[in-house]
PDB file of all heavy atoms in Angstrom:
ATOM      1  N   VAL A   1     -37.319 -46.066-147.698  1.00  0.00           N
ATOM      2  CA  VAL A   1     -36.028 -45.463-147.463  1.00  0.00           C
ATOM      3  C   VAL A   1     -36.114 -43.987-147.655  1.00  0.00           C
ATOM      4  O   VAL A   1     -36.677 -43.512-148.628  1.00  0.00           O
ATOM      5  CB  VAL A   1     -34.974 -46.028-148.441  1.00  0.00           C
ATOM      6  CG1 VAL A   1     -33.612 -45.335-148.288  1.00  0.00           C
ATOM      7  CG2 VAL A   1     -34.814 -47.541-148.231  1.00  0.00           C
ATOM      8  N   LEU A   2     -35.564 -43.240-146.694  1.00  0.00           N
ATOM      9  CA  LEU A   2     -35.549 -41.789-146.797  1.00  0.00           C
ATOM     10  C   LEU A   2     -34.170 -41.305-147.133  1.00  0.00           C
ATOM     11  O   LEU A   2     -33.196 -41.585-146.397  1.00  0.00           O
ATOM     12  CB  LEU A   2     -35.986 -41.135-145.465  1.00  0.00           C
ATOM     13  CG  LEU A   2     -36.040 -39.631-145.408  1.00  0.00           C
ATOM     14  CD1 LEU A   2     -37.162 -39.104-146.261  1.00  0.00           C
ATOM     15  CD2 LEU A   2     -36.218 -39.124-143.948  1.00  0.00           C
ATOM     16  N   SER A   3     -34.038 -40.626-148.259  1.00  0.00           N
ATOM     17  CA  SER A   3     -32.745 -40.013-148.606  1.00  0.00           C
ATOM     18  C   SER A   3     -32.562 -38.737-147.802  1.00  0.00           C
ATOM     19  O   SER A   3     -33.449 -37.846-147.763  1.00  0.00           O
ATOM     20  CB  SER A   3     -32.724 -39.664-150.091  1.00  0.00           C
ATOM     21  OG  SER A   3     -31.593 -38.911-150.376  1.00  0.00           O
ATOM     22  N   LEU A   4     -31.417 -38.643-147.109  1.00  0.00           N
ATOM     23  CA  LEU A   4     -31.134 -37.442-146.315  1.00  0.00           C
ATOM     24  C   LEU A   4     -30.658 -36.309-147.203  1.00  0.00           C
ATOM     25  O   LEU A   4     -30.522 -35.168-146.729  1.00  0.00           O
ATOM     26  CB  LEU A   4     -30.111 -37.738-145.225  1.00  0.00           C
ATOM     27  CG  LEU A   4     -30.534 -38.821-144.199  1.00  0.00           C
ATOM     28  CD1 LEU A   4     -29.534 -38.936-143.088  1.00  0.00           C
ATOM     29  CD2 LEU A   4     -31.921 -38.516-143.627  1.00  0.00           C
ATOM     30  N   GLY A   5     -30.365 -36.618-148.476  1.00  0.00           N
ATOM     31  CA  GLY A   5     -30.012 -35.551-149.389  1.00  0.00           C
ATOM     32  C   GLY A   5     -28.656 -34.980-149.205  1.00  0.00           C
ATOM     33  O   GLY A   5     -27.945 -35.254-148.192  1.00  0.00           O
ATOM     34  N   PRO A   6     -28.231 -34.097-150.085  1.00  0.00           N
ATOM     35  CA  PRO A   6     -26.895 -33.507-149.997  1.00  0.00           C
ATOM     36  C   PRO A   6     -26.877 -32.165-149.246  1.00  0.00           C
ATOM     37  O   PRO A   6     -25.799 -31.586-149.118  1.00  0.00           O
ATOM     38  CB  PRO A   6     -26.540 -33.277-151.465  1.00  0.00           C
ATOM     39  CG  PRO A   6     -27.849 -32.978-152.155  1.00  0.00           C
ATOM     40  CD  PRO A   6     -28.899 -33.789-151.367  1.00  0.00           C
ATOM     41  N   GLU A   7     -28.029 -31.657-148.882  1.00  0.00           N
ATOM     42  CA  GLU A   7     -28.048 -30.290-148.352  1.00  0.00           C
ATOM     43  C   GLU A   7     -27.346 -30.169-147.006  1.00  0.00           C
ATOM     44  O   GLU A   7     -26.790 -29.100-146.670  1.00  0.00           O
ATOM     45  CB  GLU A   7     -29.505 -29.810-148.165  1.00  0.00           C
ATOM     46  CG  GLU A   7     -30.306 -29.738-149.437  1.00  0.00           C
ATOM     47  CD  GLU A   7     -30.910 -31.098-149.833  1.00  0.00           C
ATOM     48  OE1 GLU A   7     -30.929 -31.998-148.966  1.00  0.00           O
ATOM     49  OE2 GLU A   7     -31.348 -31.236-150.963  1.00  0.00           O
ATOM     50  N   ILE A   8     -27.356 -31.222-146.173  1.00  0.00           N
ATOM     51  CA  ILE A   8     -26.754 -31.177-144.860  1.00  0.00           C
ATOM     52  C   ILE A   8     -25.631 -32.231-144.780  1.00  0.00           C
ATOM     53  O   ILE A   8     -25.885 -33.423-145.080  1.00  0.00           O
ATOM     54  CB  ILE A   8     -27.780 -31.472-143.717  1.00  0.00           C
ATOM     55  CG1 ILE A   8     -29.011 -30.519-143.898  1.00  0.00           C
ATOM     56  CG2 ILE A   8     -27.179 -31.279-142.350  1.00  0.00           C
ATOM     57  CD1 ILE A   8     -30.137 -30.851-142.934  1.00  0.00           C
ATOM     58  N   SER A   9     -24.452 -31.816-144.439  1.00  0.00           N
ATOM     59  CA  SER A   9     -23.337 -32.775-144.360  1.00  0.00           C
ATOM     60  C   SER A   9     -23.530 -33.705-143.199  1.00  0.00           C
ATOM     61  O   SER A   9     -24.269 -33.420-142.246  1.00  0.00           O
ATOM     62  CB  SER A   9     -22.018 -32.010-144.132  1.00  0.00           C
ATOM     63  OG  SER A   9     -21.999 -31.450-142.874  1.00  0.00           O
ATOM     64  N   PRO A  10     -22.909 -34.913-143.227  1.00  0.00           N
ATOM     65  CA  PRO A  10     -23.022 -35.814-142.102  1.00  0.00           C
ATOM     66  C   PRO A  10     -22.582 -35.177-140.784  1.00  0.00           C
ATOM     67  O   PRO A  10     -23.242 -35.439-139.740  1.00  0.00           O
ATOM     68  CB  PRO A  10     -22.056 -36.984-142.482  1.00  0.00           C
ATOM     69  CG  PRO A  10     -22.046 -36.942-143.975  1.00  0.00           C
ATOM     70  CD  PRO A  10     -22.138 -35.498-144.365  1.00  0.00           C
ATOM     71  N   GLN A  11     -21.580 -34.321-140.783  1.00  0.00           N
ATOM     72  CA  GLN A  11     -21.117 -33.690-139.543  1.00  0.00           C
ATOM     73  C   GLN A  11     -22.197 -32.744-139.062  1.00  0.00           C
ATOM     74  O   GLN A  11     -22.527 -32.720-137.831  1.00  0.00           O
ATOM     75  CB  GLN A  11     -19.829 -32.953-139.801  1.00  0.00           C
ATOM     76  CG  GLN A  11     -18.640 -33.832-140.137  1.00  0.00           C
ATOM     77  CD  GLN A  11     -18.661 -34.317-141.589  1.00  0.00           C
ATOM     78  OE1 GLN A  11     -19.371 -33.808-142.436  1.00  0.00           O
ATOM     79  NE2 GLN A  11     -17.862 -35.337-141.855  1.00  0.00           N
ATOM     80  N   ASP A  12     -22.811 -31.927-139.925  1.00  0.00           N
ATOM     81  CA  ASP A  12     -23.821 -31.022-139.491  1.00  0.00           C
ATOM     82  C   ASP A  12     -25.102 -31.735-139.109  1.00  0.00           C
ATOM     83  O   ASP A  12     -25.816 -31.300-138.191  1.00  0.00           O
ATOM     84  CB  ASP A  12     -24.170 -30.009-140.653  1.00  0.00           C
ATOM     85  CG  ASP A  12     -23.065 -28.972-140.825  1.00  0.00           C
ATOM     86  OD1 ASP A  12     -22.279 -28.783-139.918  1.00  0.00           O
ATOM     87  OD2 ASP A  12     -23.006 -28.363-141.904  1.00  0.00           O
ATOM     88  N   PHE A  13     -25.353 -32.874-139.719  1.00  0.00           N
ATOM     89  CA  PHE A  13     -26.540 -33.697-139.321  1.00  0.00           C
ATOM     90  C   PHE A  13     -26.368 -34.157-137.872  1.00  0.00           C
ATOM     91  O   PHE A  13     -27.337 -34.072-137.109  1.00  0.00           O
ATOM     92  CB  PHE A  13     -26.694 -34.885-140.255  1.00  0.00           C
ATOM     93  CG  PHE A  13     -28.087 -35.012-140.813  1.00  0.00           C
ATOM     94  CD1 PHE A  13     -28.313 -34.837-142.155  1.00  0.00           C
ATOM     95  CD2 PHE A  13     -29.151 -35.319-139.971  1.00  0.00           C
ATOM     96  CE1 PHE A  13     -29.581 -34.926-142.687  1.00  0.00           C
ATOM     97  CE2 PHE A  13     -30.426 -35.425-140.494  1.00  0.00           C
ATOM     98  CZ  PHE A  13     -30.661 -35.220-141.872  1.00  0.00           C
ATOM     99  N   LYS A  14     -25.205 -34.610-137.539  1.00  0.00           N
ATOM    100  CA  LYS A  14     -24.934 -35.045-136.178  1.00  0.00           C
ATOM    101  C   LYS A  14     -25.125 -33.880-135.198  1.00  0.00           C
ATOM    102  O   LYS A  14     -25.747 -34.072-134.135  1.00  0.00           O
ATOM    103  CB  LYS A  14     -23.501 -35.583-136.070  1.00  0.00           C
ATOM    104  CG  LYS A  14     -23.095 -36.079-134.702  1.00  0.00           C
ATOM    105  CD  LYS A  14     -23.714 -37.408-134.370  1.00  0.00           C
ATOM    106  CE  LYS A  14     -23.117 -37.972-133.054  1.00  0.00           C
ATOM    107  NZ  LYS A  14     -23.671 -39.302-132.746  1.00  0.00           N
ATOM    108  N   ARG A  15     -24.636 -32.721-135.601  1.00  0.00           N
ATOM    109  CA  ARG A  15     -24.795 -31.546-134.689  1.00  0.00           C
ATOM    110  C   ARG A  15     -26.274 -31.155-134.543  1.00  0.00           C
ATOM    111  O   ARG A  15     -26.695 -30.793-133.443  1.00  0.00           O
ATOM    112  CB  ARG A  15     -24.022 -30.412-135.331  1.00  0.00           C
ATOM    113  CG  ARG A  15     -24.137 -29.089-134.522  1.00  0.00           C
ATOM    114  CD  ARG A  15     -23.362 -27.973-135.206  1.00  0.00           C
ATOM    115  NE  ARG A  15     -23.765 -27.763-136.614  1.00  0.00           N
ATOM    116  CZ  ARG A  15     -24.849 -27.029-136.905  1.00  0.00           C
ATOM    117  NH1 ARG A  15     -25.572 -26.467-135.976  1.00  0.00           N
ATOM    118  NH2 ARG A  15     -25.116 -26.865-138.199  1.00  0.00           N
ATOM    119  N   LEU A  16     -27.048 -31.233-135.626  1.00  0.00           N
ATOM    120  CA  LEU A  16     -28.425 -30.869-135.520  1.00  0.00           C
ATOM    121  C   LEU A  16     -29.280 -31.874-134.779  1.00  0.00           C
ATOM    122  O   LEU A  16     -30.199 -31.526-134.082  1.00  0.00           O
ATOM    123  CB  LEU A  16     -29.042 -30.708-136.930  1.00  0.00           C
ATOM    124  CG  LEU A  16     -28.495 -29.490-137.749  1.00  0.00           C
ATOM    125  CD1 LEU A  16     -28.993 -29.554-139.199  1.00  0.00           C
ATOM    126  CD2 LEU A  16     -28.886 -28.159-137.091  1.00  0.00           C
ATOM    127  N   MET A  17     -28.952 -33.111-134.898  1.00  0.00           N
ATOM    128  CA  MET A  17     -29.697 -34.179-134.241  1.00  0.00           C
ATOM    129  C   MET A  17     -29.404 -34.264-132.762  1.00  0.00           C
ATOM    130  O   MET A  17     -30.302 -34.654-131.969  1.00  0.00           O
ATOM    131  CB  MET A  17     -29.409 -35.544-134.912  1.00  0.00           C
ATOM    132  CG  MET A  17     -29.906 -35.681-136.340  1.00  0.00           C
ATOM    133  SD  MET A  17     -31.716 -35.507-136.427  1.00  0.00           S
ATOM    134  CE  MET A  17     -32.273 -36.978-135.589  1.00  0.00           C
ATOM    135  N   CYS A  18     -28.239 -33.907-132.341  1.00  0.00           N
ATOM    136  CA  CYS A  18     -27.871 -34.039-130.934  1.00  0.00           C
ATOM    137  C   CYS A  18     -27.295 -32.741-130.394  1.00  0.00           C
ATOM    138  O   CYS A  18     -26.356 -32.204-130.964  1.00  0.00           O
ATOM    139  CB  CYS A  18     -26.824 -35.157-130.750  1.00  0.00           C
ATOM    140  SG  CYS A  18     -27.373 -36.736-131.483  1.00  0.00           S
ATOM    141  N   GLU A  19     -27.824 -32.280-129.320  1.00  0.00           N
ATOM    142  CA  GLU A  19     -27.397 -31.015-128.741  1.00  0.00           C
ATOM    143  C   GLU A  19     -25.955 -31.080-128.316  1.00  0.00           C
ATOM    144  O   GLU A  19     -25.199 -30.126-128.423  1.00  0.00           O
ATOM    145  CB  GLU A  19     -28.295 -30.654-127.599  1.00  0.00           C
ATOM    146  CG  GLU A  19     -27.991 -29.301-126.967  1.00  0.00           C
ATOM    147  CD  GLU A  19     -28.946 -28.932-125.896  1.00  0.00           C
ATOM    148  OE1 GLU A  19     -30.078 -29.462-125.864  1.00  0.00           O
ATOM    149  OE2 GLU A  19     -28.611 -28.054-125.055  1.00  0.00           O
ATOM    150  N   HIS A  20     -25.557 -32.206-127.812  1.00  0.00           N
ATOM    151  CA  HIS A  20     -24.205 -32.443-127.339  1.00  0.00           C
ATOM    152  C   HIS A  20     -23.528 -33.442-128.301  1.00  0.00           C
ATOM    153  O   HIS A  20     -23.830 -34.614-128.238  1.00  0.00           O
ATOM    154  CB  HIS A  20     -24.141 -32.935-125.880  1.00  0.00           C
ATOM    155  CG  HIS A  20     -24.946 -32.028-124.970  1.00  0.00           C
ATOM    156  ND1 HIS A  20     -24.547 -30.748-124.655  1.00  0.00           N
ATOM    157  CD2 HIS A  20     -26.069 -32.246-124.293  1.00  0.00           C
ATOM    158  CE1 HIS A  20     -25.415 -30.226-123.851  1.00  0.00           C
ATOM    159  NE2 HIS A  20     -26.381 -31.063-123.589  1.00  0.00           N
ATOM    160  N   ILE A  21     -22.622 -32.964-129.141  1.00  0.00           N
ATOM    161  CA  ILE A  21     -22.112 -33.740-130.177  1.00  0.00           C
ATOM    162  C   ILE A  21     -21.400 -34.990-129.732  1.00  0.00           C
ATOM    163  O   ILE A  21     -21.352 -36.017-130.392  1.00  0.00           O
ATOM    164  CB  ILE A  21     -21.162 -32.898-131.080  1.00  0.00           C
ATOM    165  CG1 ILE A  21     -20.869 -33.564-132.403  1.00  0.00           C
ATOM    166  CG2 ILE A  21     -19.888 -32.571-130.345  1.00  0.00           C
ATOM    167  CD1 ILE A  21     -21.968 -33.535-133.389  1.00  0.00           C
ATOM    168  N   ASN A  22     -20.815 -34.979-128.537  1.00  0.00           N
ATOM    169  CA  ASN A  22     -20.049 -36.100-128.053  1.00  0.00           C
ATOM    170  C   ASN A  22     -20.852 -37.060-127.149  1.00  0.00           C
ATOM    171  O   ASN A  22     -20.345 -37.994-126.631  1.00  0.00           O
ATOM    172  CB  ASN A  22     -18.823 -35.614-127.250  1.00  0.00           C
ATOM    173  CG  ASN A  22     -17.837 -34.872-128.203  1.00  0.00           C
ATOM    174  OD1 ASN A  22     -17.654 -35.286-129.343  1.00  0.00           O
ATOM    175  ND2 ASN A  22     -17.268 -33.800-127.679  1.00  0.00           N
ATOM    176  N   ALA A  23     -22.124 -36.718-126.926  1.00  0.00           N
ATOM    177  CA  ALA A  23     -22.965 -37.552-126.063  1.00  0.00           C
ATOM    178  C   ALA A  23     -23.399 -38.810-126.789  1.00  0.00           C
ATOM    179  O   ALA A  23     -23.534 -38.849-128.017  1.00  0.00           O
ATOM    180  CB  ALA A  23     -24.190 -36.783-125.593  1.00  0.00           C
ATOM    181  N   PRO A  24     -23.618 -39.883-126.020  1.00  0.00           N
ATOM    182  CA  PRO A  24     -24.234 -41.079-126.631  1.00  0.00           C
ATOM    183  C   PRO A  24     -25.524 -40.717-127.381  1.00  0.00           C
ATOM    184  O   PRO A  24     -26.264 -39.896-126.870  1.00  0.00           O
ATOM    185  CB  PRO A  24     -24.472 -42.002-125.470  1.00  0.00           C
ATOM    186  CG  PRO A  24     -23.504 -41.551-124.417  1.00  0.00           C
ATOM    187  CD  PRO A  24     -23.431 -40.065-124.602  1.00  0.00           C
ATOM    188  N   SER A  25     -25.732 -41.316-128.481  1.00  0.00           N
ATOM    189  CA  SER A  25     -26.903 -40.865-129.333  1.00  0.00           C
ATOM    190  C   SER A  25     -27.545 -42.013-130.036  1.00  0.00           C
ATOM    191  O   SER A  25     -26.901 -43.023-130.362  1.00  0.00           O
ATOM    192  CB  SER A  25     -26.404 -39.839-130.330  1.00  0.00           C
ATOM    193  OG  SER A  25     -27.406 -39.616-131.328  1.00  0.00           O
ATOM    194  N   GLU A  26     -28.868 -41.905-130.293  1.00  0.00           N
ATOM    195  CA  GLU A  26     -29.554 -42.862-131.091  1.00  0.00           C
ATOM    196  C   GLU A  26     -29.314 -42.677-132.589  1.00  0.00           C
ATOM    197  O   GLU A  26     -29.536 -43.556-133.362  1.00  0.00           O
ATOM    198  CB  GLU A  26     -31.040 -42.796-130.815  1.00  0.00           C
ATOM    199  CG  GLU A  26     -31.515 -43.251-129.426  1.00  0.00           C
ATOM    200  CD  GLU A  26     -32.985 -43.342-129.329  1.00  0.00           C
ATOM    201  OE1 GLU A  26     -33.690 -42.611-130.076  1.00  0.00           O
ATOM    202  OE2 GLU A  26     -33.500 -44.074-128.512  1.00  0.00           O
ATOM    203  N   PHE A  27     -28.814 -41.520-132.963  1.00  0.00           N
ATOM    204  CA  PHE A  27     -28.670 -41.194-134.369  1.00  0.00           C
ATOM    205  C   PHE A  27     -27.287 -41.541-134.847  1.00  0.00           C
ATOM    206  O   PHE A  27     -26.286 -41.131-134.302  1.00  0.00           O
ATOM    207  CB  PHE A  27     -28.956 -39.695-134.606  1.00  0.00           C
ATOM    208  CG  PHE A  27     -28.739 -39.354-136.065  1.00  0.00           C
ATOM    209  CD1 PHE A  27     -29.690 -39.674-136.995  1.00  0.00           C
ATOM    210  CD2 PHE A  27     -27.613 -38.665-136.481  1.00  0.00           C
ATOM    211  CE1 PHE A  27     -29.536 -39.344-138.349  1.00  0.00           C
ATOM    212  CE2 PHE A  27     -27.448 -38.316-137.796  1.00  0.00           C
ATOM    213  CZ  PHE A  27     -28.370 -38.667-138.754  1.00  0.00           C
ATOM    214  N   GLU A  28     -27.246 -42.284-135.953  1.00  0.00           N
ATOM    215  CA  GLU A  28     -26.044 -42.537-136.666  1.00  0.00           C
ATOM    216  C   GLU A  28     -26.269 -42.245-138.130  1.00  0.00           C
ATOM    217  O   GLU A  28     -27.260 -42.703-138.697  1.00  0.00           O
ATOM    218  CB  GLU A  28     -25.572 -44.001-136.508  1.00  0.00           C
ATOM    219  CG  GLU A  28     -25.179 -44.384-135.127  1.00  0.00           C
ATOM    220  CD  GLU A  28     -23.902 -43.720-134.638  1.00  0.00           C
ATOM    221  OE1 GLU A  28     -23.133 -43.270-135.499  1.00  0.00           O
ATOM    222  OE2 GLU A  28     -23.677 -43.644-133.425  1.00  0.00           O
ATOM    223  N   TYR A  29     -25.444 -41.438-138.743  1.00  0.00           N
ATOM    224  CA  TYR A  29     -25.633 -41.075-140.141  1.00  0.00           C
ATOM    225  C   TYR A  29     -25.538 -42.379-140.970  1.00  0.00           C
ATOM    226  O   TYR A  29     -24.567 -43.107-140.913  1.00  0.00           O
ATOM    227  CB  TYR A  29     -24.574 -40.105-140.615  1.00  0.00           C
ATOM    228  CG  TYR A  29     -24.947 -39.446-141.927  1.00  0.00           C
ATOM    229  CD1 TYR A  29     -25.770 -38.297-141.949  1.00  0.00           C
ATOM    230  CD2 TYR A  29     -24.551 -39.991-143.143  1.00  0.00           C
ATOM    231  CE1 TYR A  29     -26.140 -37.681-143.158  1.00  0.00           C
ATOM    232  CE2 TYR A  29     -24.907 -39.377-144.371  1.00  0.00           C
ATOM    233  CZ  TYR A  29     -25.706 -38.242-144.338  1.00  0.00           C
ATOM    234  OH  TYR A  29     -26.078 -37.668-145.526  1.00  0.00           O
ATOM    235  N   PRO A  30     -26.588 -42.695-141.727  1.00  0.00           N
ATOM    236  CA  PRO A  30     -26.653 -44.003-142.427  1.00  0.00           C
ATOM    237  C   PRO A  30     -25.697 -44.079-143.606  1.00  0.00           C
ATOM    238  O   PRO A  30     -25.391 -43.049-144.219  1.00  0.00           O
ATOM    239  CB  PRO A  30     -28.132 -44.082-142.849  1.00  0.00           C
ATOM    240  CG  PRO A  30     -28.522 -42.676-143.055  1.00  0.00           C
ATOM    241  CD  PRO A  30     -27.786 -41.869-141.986  1.00  0.00           C
ATOM    242  N   PRO A  31     -25.306 -45.266-143.987  1.00  0.00           N
ATOM    243  CA  PRO A  31     -24.503 -45.432-145.202  1.00  0.00           C
ATOM    244  C   PRO A  31     -25.176 -44.872-146.431  1.00  0.00           C
ATOM    245  O   PRO A  31     -26.394 -45.039-146.605  1.00  0.00           O
ATOM    246  CB  PRO A  31     -24.313 -46.943-145.330  1.00  0.00           C
ATOM    247  CG  PRO A  31     -24.543 -47.483-143.916  1.00  0.00           C
ATOM    248  CD  PRO A  31     -25.555 -46.526-143.310  1.00  0.00           C
ATOM    249  N   HIS A  32     -24.444 -44.147-147.221  1.00  0.00           N
ATOM    250  CA  HIS A  32     -24.958 -43.541-148.460  1.00  0.00           C
ATOM    251  C   HIS A  32     -26.097 -42.511-148.203  1.00  0.00           C
ATOM    252  O   HIS A  32     -26.765 -42.123-149.158  1.00  0.00           O
ATOM    253  CB  HIS A  32     -25.473 -44.613-149.447  1.00  0.00           C
ATOM    254  CG  HIS A  32     -24.476 -45.728-149.649  1.00  0.00           C
ATOM    255  ND1 HIS A  32     -23.236 -45.518-150.226  1.00  0.00           N
ATOM    256  CD2 HIS A  32     -24.520 -47.065-149.389  1.00  0.00           C
ATOM    257  CE1 HIS A  32     -22.572 -46.660-150.319  1.00  0.00           C
ATOM    258  NE2 HIS A  32     -23.327 -47.583-149.798  1.00  0.00           N
ATOM    259  N   GLY A  33     -26.248 -42.106-146.978  1.00  0.00           N
ATOM    260  CA  GLY A  33     -27.279 -41.129-146.674  1.00  0.00           C
ATOM    261  C   GLY A  33     -28.695 -41.609-146.781  1.00  0.00           C
ATOM    262  O   GLY A  33     -29.635 -40.830-146.974  1.00  0.00           O
ATOM    263  N   LEU A  34     -28.899 -42.945-146.749  1.00  0.00           N
ATOM    264  CA  LEU A  34     -30.203 -43.534-146.912  1.00  0.00           C
ATOM    265  C   LEU A  34     -30.683 -44.133-145.567  1.00  0.00           C
ATOM    266  O   LEU A  34     -30.129 -45.119-145.118  1.00  0.00           O
ATOM    267  CB  LEU A  34     -30.190 -44.618-147.990  1.00  0.00           C
ATOM    268  CG  LEU A  34     -29.732 -44.167-149.422  1.00  0.00           C
ATOM    269  CD1 LEU A  34     -29.642 -45.372-150.345  1.00  0.00           C
ATOM    270  CD2 LEU A  34     -30.710 -43.141-149.935  1.00  0.00           C
ATOM    271  N   LEU A  35     -31.684 -43.525-145.003  1.00  0.00           N
ATOM    272  CA  LEU A  35     -32.212 -43.922-143.709  1.00  0.00           C
ATOM    273  C   LEU A  35     -33.371 -44.914-143.905  1.00  0.00           C
ATOM    274  O   LEU A  35     -34.457 -44.555-144.437  1.00  0.00           O
ATOM    275  CB  LEU A  35     -32.666 -42.729-142.921  1.00  0.00           C
ATOM    276  CG  LEU A  35     -33.170 -42.949-141.462  1.00  0.00           C
ATOM    277  CD1 LEU A  35     -32.028 -43.525-140.611  1.00  0.00           C
ATOM    278  CD2 LEU A  35     -33.661 -41.682-140.863  1.00  0.00           C
ATOM    279  N   HIS A  36     -33.203 -46.152-143.512  1.00  0.00           N
ATOM    280  CA  HIS A  36     -34.228 -47.154-143.606  1.00  0.00           C
ATOM    281  C   HIS A  36     -35.280 -46.980-142.532  1.00  0.00           C
ATOM    282  O   HIS A  36     -34.949 -46.830-141.346  1.00  0.00           O
ATOM    283  CB  HIS A  36     -33.654 -48.589-143.565  1.00  0.00           C
ATOM    284  CG  HIS A  36     -32.924 -48.930-144.823  1.00  0.00           C
ATOM    285  ND1 HIS A  36     -33.489 -49.620-145.865  1.00  0.00           N
ATOM    286  CD2 HIS A  36     -31.638 -48.647-145.252  1.00  0.00           C
ATOM    287  CE1 HIS A  36     -32.613 -49.821-146.842  1.00  0.00           C
ATOM    288  NE2 HIS A  36     -31.492 -49.206-146.496  1.00  0.00           N
ATOM    289  N   MET A  37     -36.570 -47.003-142.880  1.00  0.00           N
ATOM    290  CA  MET A  37     -37.613 -46.782-141.931  1.00  0.00           C
ATOM    291  C   MET A  37     -37.970 -48.114-141.197  1.00  0.00           C
ATOM    292  O   MET A  37     -38.146 -49.136-141.850  1.00  0.00           O
ATOM    293  CB  MET A  37     -38.861 -46.276-142.684  1.00  0.00           C
ATOM    294  CG  MET A  37     -38.556 -45.257-143.743  1.00  0.00           C
ATOM    295  SD  MET A  37     -38.240 -43.670-143.078  1.00  0.00           S
ATOM    296  CE  MET A  37     -39.886 -43.071-142.981  1.00  0.00           C
ATOM    297  N   THR A  38     -38.121 -47.952-139.937  1.00  0.00           N
ATOM    298  CA  THR A  38     -38.565 -49.118-139.157  1.00  0.00           C
ATOM    299  C   THR A  38     -39.197 -48.696-137.855  1.00  0.00           C
ATOM    300  O   THR A  38     -38.696 -47.767-137.202  1.00  0.00           O
ATOM    301  CB  THR A  38     -37.362 -50.031-138.834  1.00  0.00           C
ATOM    302  OG1 THR A  38     -37.750 -51.139-138.061  1.00  0.00           O
ATOM    303  CG2 THR A  38     -36.235 -49.274-138.098  1.00  0.00           C
ATOM    304  N   GLY A  39     -40.293 -49.305-137.498  1.00  0.00           N
ATOM    305  CA  GLY A  39     -40.957 -48.972-136.257  1.00  0.00           C
ATOM    306  C   GLY A  39     -41.816 -47.749-136.396  1.00  0.00           C
ATOM    307  O   GLY A  39     -41.797 -46.993-137.357  1.00  0.00           O
TER     308      GLY A  39
END
């Protein structure tokens, strides 16, 4: 599990991960900021 930490807010994370904030995206901010590794 990777902790995304408190440095970047969920809203800013979405903006950084996707150039177009409203576009369909593979990224969803995980519950509690914990990203489970898979694949």
